[in-house]
Amino acid sequence: MKQFVIVLIALFSATLIYSQEKSEPKTEFTKMYLPVWLEAQLHCLEVAEAMPEDLYGYKPTPDSKSFAEQMVHIGYTIELLTKRYVQGIKVKPNTPDATTMSKSEIISLLKKGFAYTTNVIKTVEKSKLNETCVMYHSGNKVSRAFAFFYVQDHLTNHRAKANLYLRLNNIKPPEYTW
């Protein structure tokens, strides 16, 4: 009986995860935005995969973030910025230490951040997207829908730096296909 219950729980969990992955966003904006977000996610993960693990500590100047730090910064702040600006949740930064993480752990962190934001894109209500938020650094007031673009712009900024790190190590970056 106990095994039967475990199997039922596993099946229910798998069904729930599958339905969340296949679910459609709730608003016209998020329906249009989701493919753009998924492409940005895919490209970032390709960049992370392209750098050999032994070069994850590479930094072009002493003041620069290492490749690993760029990737950890992306992975961690995707969720943080989504919580702060799209969802209106108060959060304090607590970035993991990239120097203690393997390539696979960093890629897992990226995937976790992407999954979090993808879920928000699929589940956020229109009324939430129409709310206004204040951007932390600039003080600009924008809609929470617009904040999705900020999350992606931040990701793109650090991914572009990571692309340069690949080139500086004679590694051809993945093609940008969007």
C-alpha atoms as a PDB file:
ATOM      1  CA  MET A   1       0.000   0.000   0.000  1.00  0.00           C
ATOM      2  CA  LYS A   2       2.822   2.370   0.898  1.00  0.00           C
ATOM      3  CA  GLN A   3       4.467   1.808  -2.506  1.00  0.00           C
ATOM      4  CA  PHE A   4       1.129   2.448  -4.221  1.00  0.00           C
ATOM      5  CA  VAL A   5       0.821   5.816  -2.452  1.00  0.00           C
ATOM      6  CA  ILE A   6       4.396   6.731  -3.410  1.00  0.00           C
ATOM      7  CA  VAL A   7       3.666   5.857  -7.049  1.00  0.00           C
ATOM      8  CA  LEU A   8       0.496   7.968  -6.988  1.00  0.00           C
ATOM      9  CA  ILE A   9       2.365  10.921  -5.506  1.00  0.00           C
ATOM     10  CA  ALA A  10       5.107  10.574  -8.123  1.00  0.00           C
ATOM     11  CA  LEU A  11       2.560  10.432 -10.946  1.00  0.00           C
ATOM     12  CA  PHE A  12       0.702  13.460  -9.585  1.00  0.00           C
ATOM     13  CA  SER A  13       3.965  15.415  -9.257  1.00  0.00           C
ATOM     14  CA  ALA A  14       5.066  14.514 -12.773  1.00  0.00           C
ATOM     15  CA  THR A  15       1.665  15.517 -14.163  1.00  0.00           C
ATOM     16  CA  LEU A  16       1.798  18.834 -12.324  1.00  0.00           C
ATOM     17  CA  ILE A  17       5.321  19.601 -13.563  1.00  0.00           C
ATOM     18  CA  TYR A  18       4.396  18.605 -17.131  1.00  0.00           C
ATOM     19  CA  SER A  19       1.248  20.743 -17.092  1.00  0.00           C
ATOM     20  CA  GLN A  20       3.204  23.739 -15.779  1.00  0.00           C
ATOM     21  CA  GLU A  21       5.808  23.332 -18.528  1.00  0.00           C
ATOM     22  CA  LYS A  22       3.138  23.098 -21.213  1.00  0.00           C
ATOM     23  CA  SER A  23       0.808  25.749 -19.788  1.00  0.00           C
ATOM     24  CA  GLU A  24       0.079  28.894 -21.752  1.00  0.00           C
ATOM     25  CA  PRO A  25       0.682  32.326 -20.254  1.00  0.00           C
ATOM     26  CA  LYS A  26      -2.416  34.129 -18.963  1.00  0.00           C
ATOM     27  CA  THR A  27      -2.049  37.473 -20.769  1.00  0.00           C
ATOM     28  CA  GLU A  28      -1.526  38.650 -24.324  1.00  0.00           C
ATOM     29  CA  PHE A  29       1.699  40.364 -23.266  1.00  0.00           C
ATOM     30  CA  THR A  30       3.174  37.251 -21.652  1.00  0.00           C
ATOM     31  CA  LYS A  31       2.083  35.095 -24.608  1.00  0.00           C
ATOM     32  CA  MET A  32       4.113  37.367 -26.887  1.00  0.00           C
ATOM     33  CA  TYR A  33       6.998  37.683 -24.433  1.00  0.00           C
ATOM     34  CA  LEU A  34       7.472  33.983 -23.575  1.00  0.00           C
ATOM     35  CA  PRO A  35       9.163  32.956 -26.884  1.00  0.00           C
ATOM     36  CA  VAL A  36      11.583  35.888 -26.589  1.00  0.00           C
ATOM     37  CA  TRP A  37      12.418  34.895 -23.015  1.00  0.00           C
ATOM     38  CA  LEU A  38      12.873  31.228 -23.926  1.00  0.00           C
ATOM     39  CA  GLU A  39      15.277  32.158 -26.733  1.00  0.00           C
ATOM     40  CA  ALA A  40      17.314  34.374 -24.362  1.00  0.00           C
ATOM     41  CA  GLN A  41      17.417  31.482 -21.896  1.00  0.00           C
ATOM     42  CA  LEU A  42      18.570  28.995 -24.520  1.00  0.00           C
ATOM     43  CA  HIS A  43      21.301  31.303 -25.792  1.00  0.00           C
ATOM     44  CA  CYS A  44      22.613  32.012 -22.301  1.00  0.00           C
ATOM     45  CA  LEU A  45      22.789  28.308 -21.492  1.00  0.00           C
ATOM     46  CA  GLU A  46      24.656  27.703 -24.771  1.00  0.00           C
ATOM     47  CA  VAL A  47      27.195  30.371 -23.760  1.00  0.00           C
ATOM     48  CA  ALA A  48      27.604  28.752 -20.324  1.00  0.00           C
ATOM     49  CA  GLU A  49      28.132  25.337 -21.931  1.00  0.00           C
ATOM     50  CA  ALA A  50      30.636  26.683 -24.480  1.00  0.00           C
ATOM     51  CA  MET A  51      33.234  27.721 -21.895  1.00  0.00           C
ATOM     52  CA  PRO A  52      35.380  24.800 -20.715  1.00  0.00           C
ATOM     53  CA  GLU A  53      35.208  24.298 -16.953  1.00  0.00           C
ATOM     54  CA  ASP A  54      38.930  24.970 -16.538  1.00  0.00           C
ATOM     55  CA  LEU A  55      38.346  28.491 -17.932  1.00  0.00           C
ATOM     56  CA  TYR A  56      35.377  29.374 -15.706  1.00  0.00           C
ATOM     57  CA  GLY A  57      37.802  31.329 -13.491  1.00  0.00           C
ATOM     58  CA  TYR A  58      39.008  33.426 -16.447  1.00  0.00           C
ATOM     59  CA  LYS A  59      38.730  37.203 -16.152  1.00  0.00           C
ATOM     60  CA  PRO A  60      40.023  39.625 -18.798  1.00  0.00           C
ATOM     61  CA  THR A  61      41.224  42.214 -16.256  1.00  0.00           C
ATOM     62  CA  PRO A  62      41.851  42.075 -12.512  1.00  0.00           C
ATOM     63  CA  ASP A  63      38.773  44.269 -11.898  1.00  0.00           C
ATOM     64  CA  SER A  64      36.453  42.158 -14.063  1.00  0.00           C
ATOM     65  CA  LYS A  65      34.130  39.418 -12.888  1.00  0.00           C
ATOM     66  CA  SER A  66      35.328  35.946 -13.851  1.00  0.00           C
ATOM     67  CA  PHE A  67      33.290  33.984 -16.388  1.00  0.00           C
ATOM     68  CA  ALA A  68      31.896  31.952 -13.484  1.00  0.00           C
ATOM     69  CA  GLU A  69      30.962  35.146 -11.622  1.00  0.00           C
ATOM     70  CA  GLN A  70      29.180  36.490 -14.724  1.00  0.00           C
ATOM     71  CA  MET A  71      27.157  33.270 -15.002  1.00  0.00           C
ATOM     72  CA  VAL A  72      26.359  33.124 -11.278  1.00  0.00           C
ATOM     73  CA  HIS A  73      25.360  36.776 -11.362  1.00  0.00           C
ATOM     74  CA  ILE A  74      22.967  36.052 -14.233  1.00  0.00           C
ATOM     75  CA  GLY A  75      21.531  32.916 -12.649  1.00  0.00           C
ATOM     76  CA  TYR A  76      20.990  34.475  -9.257  1.00  0.00           C
ATOM     77  CA  THR A  77      19.678  37.862 -10.351  1.00  0.00           C
ATOM     78  CA  ILE A  78      17.139  36.497 -12.841  1.00  0.00           C
ATOM     79  CA  GLU A  79      15.054  35.265  -9.922  1.00  0.00           C
ATOM     80  CA  LEU A  80      15.915  38.208  -7.661  1.00  0.00           C
ATOM     81  CA  LEU A  81      14.948  40.852 -10.236  1.00  0.00           C
ATOM     82  CA  THR A  82      11.775  38.974 -11.180  1.00  0.00           C
ATOM     83  CA  LYS A  83      10.747  38.831  -7.535  1.00  0.00           C
ATOM     84  CA  ARG A  84      11.647  42.466  -6.882  1.00  0.00           C
ATOM     85  CA  TYR A  85      10.268  44.172  -9.986  1.00  0.00           C
ATOM     86  CA  VAL A  86       7.685  41.874 -11.556  1.00  0.00           C
ATOM     87  CA  GLN A  87       6.193  40.376  -8.411  1.00  0.00           C
ATOM     88  CA  GLY A  88       6.836  43.219  -5.970  1.00  0.00           C
ATOM     89  CA  ILE A  89       8.483  40.972  -3.386  1.00  0.00           C
ATOM     90  CA  LYS A  90      11.070  42.555  -1.105  1.00  0.00           C
ATOM     91  CA  VAL A  91      14.337  40.676  -1.486  1.00  0.00           C
ATOM     92  CA  LYS A  92      17.907  41.312  -0.431  1.00  0.00           C
ATOM     93  CA  PRO A  93      20.810  40.132  -2.578  1.00  0.00           C
ATOM     94  CA  ASN A  94      22.721  37.098  -1.331  1.00  0.00           C
ATOM     95  CA  THR A  95      24.700  36.012  -4.379  1.00  0.00           C
ATOM     96  CA  PRO A  96      26.375  32.583  -4.161  1.00  0.00           C
ATOM     97  CA  ASP A  97      30.179  32.462  -4.265  1.00  0.00           C
ATOM     98  CA  ALA A  98      31.102  31.474  -7.815  1.00  0.00           C
ATOM     99  CA  THR A  99      34.622  30.457  -6.754  1.00  0.00           C
ATOM    100  CA  THR A 100      33.200  27.523  -4.801  1.00  0.00           C
ATOM    101  CA  MET A 101      30.922  26.261  -7.590  1.00  0.00           C
ATOM    102  CA  SER A 102      31.540  23.805 -10.435  1.00  0.00           C
ATOM    103  CA  LYS A 103      30.402  24.435 -13.996  1.00  0.00           C
ATOM    104  CA  SER A 104      27.488  22.032 -13.542  1.00  0.00           C
ATOM    105  CA  GLU A 105      26.411  23.763 -10.316  1.00  0.00           C
ATOM    106  CA  ILE A 106      26.494  27.130 -12.073  1.00  0.00           C
ATOM    107  CA  ILE A 107      24.466  25.801 -14.996  1.00  0.00           C
ATOM    108  CA  SER A 108      21.973  24.371 -12.498  1.00  0.00           C
ATOM    109  CA  LEU A 109      21.718  27.814 -10.870  1.00  0.00           C
ATOM    110  CA  LEU A 110      21.064  29.355 -14.297  1.00  0.00           C
ATOM    111  CA  LYS A 111      18.358  26.782 -15.020  1.00  0.00           C
ATOM    112  CA  LYS A 112      16.758  27.417 -11.634  1.00  0.00           C
ATOM    113  CA  GLY A 113      16.629  31.169 -12.274  1.00  0.00           C
ATOM    114  CA  PHE A 114      15.243  30.681 -15.769  1.00  0.00           C
ATOM    115  CA  ALA A 115      12.620  28.211 -14.533  1.00  0.00           C
ATOM    116  CA  TYR A 116      11.498  30.627 -11.827  1.00  0.00           C
ATOM    117  CA  THR A 117      11.004  33.512 -14.243  1.00  0.00           C
ATOM    118  CA  THR A 118       9.424  31.282 -16.897  1.00  0.00           C
ATOM    119  CA  ASN A 119       6.879  30.153 -14.315  1.00  0.00           C
ATOM    120  CA  VAL A 120       6.119  33.773 -13.412  1.00  0.00           C
ATOM    121  CA  ILE A 121       5.667  34.627 -17.105  1.00  0.00           C
ATOM    122  CA  LYS A 122       3.156  31.788 -17.389  1.00  0.00           C
ATOM    123  CA  THR A 123       1.237  32.524 -14.192  1.00  0.00           C
ATOM    124  CA  VAL A 124       1.298  36.295 -13.633  1.00  0.00           C
ATOM    125  CA  GLU A 125      -2.080  37.998 -13.769  1.00  0.00           C
ATOM    126  CA  LYS A 126      -2.781  41.011 -15.987  1.00  0.00           C
ATOM    127  CA  SER A 127      -3.670  43.142 -12.962  1.00  0.00           C
ATOM    128  CA  LYS A 128      -0.164  42.546 -11.549  1.00  0.00           C
ATOM    129  CA  LEU A 129       1.480  43.473 -14.851  1.00  0.00           C
ATOM    130  CA  ASN A 130      -0.368  46.786 -14.878  1.00  0.00           C
ATOM    131  CA  GLU A 131       0.968  47.808 -11.461  1.00  0.00           C
ATOM    132  CA  THR A 132       3.815  50.300 -11.236  1.00  0.00           C
ATOM    133  CA  CYS A 133       7.179  49.614  -9.662  1.00  0.00           C
ATOM    134  CA  VAL A 134      10.207  51.804  -9.025  1.00  0.00           C
ATOM    135  CA  MET A 135      13.504  50.630 -10.461  1.00  0.00           C
ATOM    136  CA  TYR A 136      16.078  50.372  -7.665  1.00  0.00           C
ATOM    137  CA  HIS A 137      19.084  52.015  -9.360  1.00  0.00           C
ATOM    138  CA  SER A 138      17.430  54.642 -11.571  1.00  0.00           C
ATOM    139  CA  GLY A 139      14.312  55.529  -9.609  1.00  0.00           C
ATOM    140  CA  ASN A 140      12.295  55.242 -12.839  1.00  0.00           C
ATOM    141  CA  LYS A 141       8.655  54.198 -12.486  1.00  0.00           C
ATOM    142  CA  VAL A 142       7.629  51.454 -14.897  1.00  0.00           C
ATOM    143  CA  SER A 143       4.922  48.829 -15.227  1.00  0.00           C
ATOM    144  CA  ARG A 144       5.668  45.375 -13.861  1.00  0.00           C
ATOM    145  CA  ALA A 145       5.230  44.122 -17.454  1.00  0.00           C
ATOM    146  CA  PHE A 146       8.036  46.455 -18.527  1.00  0.00           C
ATOM    147  CA  ALA A 147      10.165  45.045 -15.707  1.00  0.00           C
ATOM    148  CA  PHE A 148      10.397  41.769 -17.650  1.00  0.00           C
ATOM    149  CA  PHE A 149      12.436  43.703 -20.223  1.00  0.00           C
ATOM    150  CA  TYR A 150      14.735  44.938 -17.467  1.00  0.00           C
ATOM    151  CA  VAL A 151      15.318  41.356 -16.283  1.00  0.00           C
ATOM    152  CA  GLN A 152      16.161  40.332 -19.837  1.00  0.00           C
ATOM    153  CA  ASP A 153      18.311  43.412 -20.491  1.00  0.00           C
ATOM    154  CA  HIS A 154      20.338  42.658 -17.366  1.00  0.00           C
ATOM    155  CA  LEU A 155      20.768  39.061 -18.513  1.00  0.00           C
ATOM    156  CA  THR A 156      21.804  40.217 -21.992  1.00  0.00           C
ATOM    157  CA  ASN A 157      24.373  42.657 -20.605  1.00  0.00           C
ATOM    158  CA  HIS A 158      26.182  39.958 -18.632  1.00  0.00           C
ATOM    159  CA  ARG A 159      25.761  37.308 -21.336  1.00  0.00           C
ATOM    160  CA  ALA A 160      27.397  39.681 -23.838  1.00  0.00           C
ATOM    161  CA  LYS A 161      30.361  40.055 -21.495  1.00  0.00           C
ATOM    162  CA  ALA A 162      30.558  36.272 -21.217  1.00  0.00           C
ATOM    163  CA  ASN A 163      30.530  36.022 -25.034  1.00  0.00           C
ATOM    164  CA  LEU A 164      33.538  38.315 -25.105  1.00  0.00           C
ATOM    165  CA  TYR A 165      35.314  36.073 -22.568  1.00  0.00           C
ATOM    166  CA  LEU A 166      34.782  33.168 -24.971  1.00  0.00           C
ATOM    167  CA  ARG A 167      36.290  35.135 -27.856  1.00  0.00           C
ATOM    168  CA  LEU A 168      39.256  36.209 -25.732  1.00  0.00           C
ATOM    169  CA  ASN A 169      39.959  32.499 -25.230  1.00  0.00           C
ATOM    170  CA  ASN A 170      39.643  31.722 -28.961  1.00  0.00           C
ATOM    171  CA  ILE A 171      36.303  29.998 -28.460  1.00  0.00           C
ATOM    172  CA  LYS A 172      33.632  30.812 -31.010  1.00  0.00           C
ATOM    173  CA  PRO A 173      30.463  31.881 -29.158  1.00  0.00           C
ATOM    174  CA  PRO A 174      27.199  30.132 -30.021  1.00  0.00           C
ATOM    175  CA  GLU A 175      25.297  31.781 -32.861  1.00  0.00           C
ATOM    176  CA  TYR A 176      22.586  34.197 -31.827  1.00  0.00           C
ATOM    177  CA  THR A 177      19.502  33.049 -33.735  1.00  0.00           C
ATOM    178  CA  TRP A 178      16.635  35.325 -32.701  1.00  0.00           C
END
